[in-house]
Amino acid sequence: NKPRFSIHQFIAKEAIPVAVIMLLIGVTYASILTYLQAFALERHLVTAASYFFICYAIASLITRPIAGRLMDDKNENIIVYPAFIMLFLSFVCLISSYQSWLILLAGACLGLGYGNLSSAMQSIAIK
């Protein structure tokens, strides 16, 4: 007797809400990846846009170890809620950017937001 194939063998129904949230967050991140260059070209901020992902990487690199320790000591909520706020702020900074420093700030906010949300949500999904 072979066990019957079931989708439940591969997908944990408890992780579906977290997966849907990460899908929506991933789409927002992908939209930035897709349209940043055209957006910066239109606003004459191409040089600043080239440093956007450097700011993203630095912010993410610095805060992920701290976020991991906080999640271990407290819980994921201490990271998730502020990270959502930072993700929202990254969009606010980006859409209102007519100066280079706002694009760089948007990159840093994205690193604080998406950079920490991705690891926190993965941690929540496996619990």
Protein backbone atom coordinates (compact mmCIF):
# COMPACT_ATOMS: atom_id res chain seq x y z
CA ASN A 1 0.00 0.00 0.00
CA LYS A 2 1.41 3.29 -1.13
CA PRO A 3 0.41 6.35 0.84
CA ARG A 4 -1.92 8.54 -1.18
CA PHE A 5 -0.65 11.81 -2.51
CA SER A 6 -1.94 14.78 -0.59
CA ILE A 7 -1.05 18.44 -0.83
CA HIS A 8 -1.12 18.50 2.98
CA GLN A 9 2.11 16.49 2.95
CA PHE A 10 3.88 19.52 1.50
CA ILE A 11 2.01 22.54 2.83
CA ALA A 12 1.40 23.31 6.49
CA LYS A 13 -1.97 25.04 6.70
CA GLU A 14 -0.74 26.98 9.74
CA ALA A 15 1.91 28.67 7.58
CA ILE A 16 -0.49 29.85 4.86
CA PRO A 17 -1.36 33.24 6.44
CA VAL A 18 2.33 34.04 6.89
CA ALA A 19 3.03 32.91 3.33
CA VAL A 20 0.31 35.19 1.96
CA ILE A 21 1.70 38.15 3.90
CA MET A 22 5.21 37.42 2.60
CA LEU A 23 3.85 37.13 -0.94
CA LEU A 24 2.34 40.61 -0.68
CA ILE A 25 5.51 42.01 0.87
CA GLY A 26 7.58 40.31 -1.83
CA VAL A 27 5.47 41.92 -4.54
CA THR A 28 6.12 45.35 -3.03
CA TYR A 29 9.84 44.63 -2.92
CA ALA A 30 9.79 43.38 -6.51
CA SER A 31 8.00 46.54 -7.60
CA ILE A 32 10.85 48.61 -6.22
CA LEU A 33 13.40 46.40 -7.97
CA THR A 34 11.52 46.75 -11.23
CA TYR A 35 10.70 50.44 -11.32
CA LEU A 36 13.45 52.18 -9.33
CA GLN A 37 15.66 52.90 -12.32
CA ALA A 38 12.85 54.41 -14.42
CA PHE A 39 11.59 56.36 -11.41
CA ALA A 40 15.06 57.76 -10.69
CA LEU A 41 15.58 58.64 -14.35
CA GLU A 42 12.33 60.59 -14.42
CA ARG A 43 13.25 62.53 -11.28
CA HIS A 44 16.90 63.01 -12.29
CA LEU A 45 18.19 61.00 -9.31
CA VAL A 46 20.03 58.22 -11.13
CA THR A 47 23.24 58.62 -9.12
CA ALA A 48 21.38 58.37 -5.82
CA ALA A 49 19.42 55.36 -7.09
CA SER A 50 22.68 53.55 -7.76
CA TYR A 51 23.40 53.77 -4.02
CA PHE A 52 19.86 52.76 -3.00
CA PHE A 53 20.66 49.07 -2.66
CA ILE A 54 23.94 49.78 -0.89
CA CYS A 55 21.93 51.61 1.79
CA TYR A 56 19.48 48.70 1.80
CA ALA A 57 22.28 46.17 2.26
CA ILE A 58 24.05 48.13 5.00
CA ALA A 59 20.83 48.65 6.99
CA SER A 60 19.88 45.01 6.63
CA LEU A 61 23.37 43.76 7.45
CA ILE A 62 23.63 45.85 10.61
CA THR A 63 20.15 45.18 11.97
CA ARG A 64 19.57 41.49 11.19
CA PRO A 65 21.85 40.16 13.95
CA ILE A 66 20.24 42.55 16.44
CA ALA A 67 16.77 41.55 15.26
CA GLY A 68 17.64 37.88 15.57
CA ARG A 69 18.79 38.32 19.14
CA LEU A 70 15.66 40.31 20.01
CA MET A 71 13.45 37.61 18.50
CA ASP A 72 15.26 34.97 20.54
CA ASP A 73 15.00 36.96 23.77
CA LYS A 74 11.45 38.33 23.34
CA ASN A 75 9.32 37.24 20.38
CA GLU A 76 8.86 38.02 16.70
CA ASN A 77 6.34 40.80 17.31
CA ILE A 78 9.08 43.06 18.62
CA ILE A 79 10.57 42.96 15.10
CA VAL A 80 7.54 42.48 12.85
CA TYR A 81 5.54 45.59 13.78
CA PRO A 82 8.43 48.08 13.58
CA ALA A 83 9.61 46.41 10.35
CA PHE A 84 6.18 46.91 8.78
CA ILE A 85 6.35 50.57 9.76
CA MET A 86 9.82 50.88 8.20
CA LEU A 87 8.59 49.18 5.02
CA PHE A 88 5.74 51.69 4.83
CA LEU A 89 8.18 54.56 5.46
CA SER A 90 10.42 53.33 2.65
CA PHE A 91 7.53 53.77 0.21
CA VAL A 92 6.64 57.18 1.64
CA CYS A 93 10.26 58.33 1.26
CA LEU A 94 10.50 56.89 -2.23
CA ILE A 95 7.34 58.42 -3.65
CA SER A 96 8.11 61.81 -2.14
CA SER A 97 11.76 61.84 -3.16
CA TYR A 98 12.86 64.77 -5.22
CA GLN A 99 16.24 64.87 -3.49
CA SER A 100 18.97 62.27 -3.35
CA TRP A 101 18.98 61.86 0.42
CA LEU A 102 15.35 60.71 0.39
CA ILE A 103 16.16 57.89 -2.02
CA LEU A 104 19.02 56.83 0.22
CA LEU A 105 16.76 57.02 3.28
CA ALA A 106 14.18 54.92 1.43
CA GLY A 107 16.86 52.30 0.79
CA ALA A 108 17.82 52.23 4.46
CA CYS A 109 14.16 52.00 5.52
CA LEU A 110 13.64 49.16 3.07
CA GLY A 111 16.61 47.34 4.58
CA LEU A 112 15.17 47.82 8.06
CA GLY A 113 11.70 46.80 6.87
CA TYR A 114 11.93 44.08 4.24
CA GLY A 115 15.35 42.92 5.36
CA ASN A 116 14.07 42.08 8.82
CA LEU A 117 10.53 41.08 7.87
CA SER A 118 11.73 38.31 5.59
CA SER A 119 13.71 36.57 8.33
CA ALA A 120 11.11 37.23 11.05
CA MET A 121 8.27 35.87 8.93
CA GLN A 122 10.29 32.75 8.09
CA SER A 123 10.82 32.24 11.80
CA ILE A 124 7.09 32.62 12.45
CA ALA A 125 6.23 30.20 9.63
CA ILE A 126 8.31 27.35 11.03
CA LYS A 127 6.96 27.69 14.57
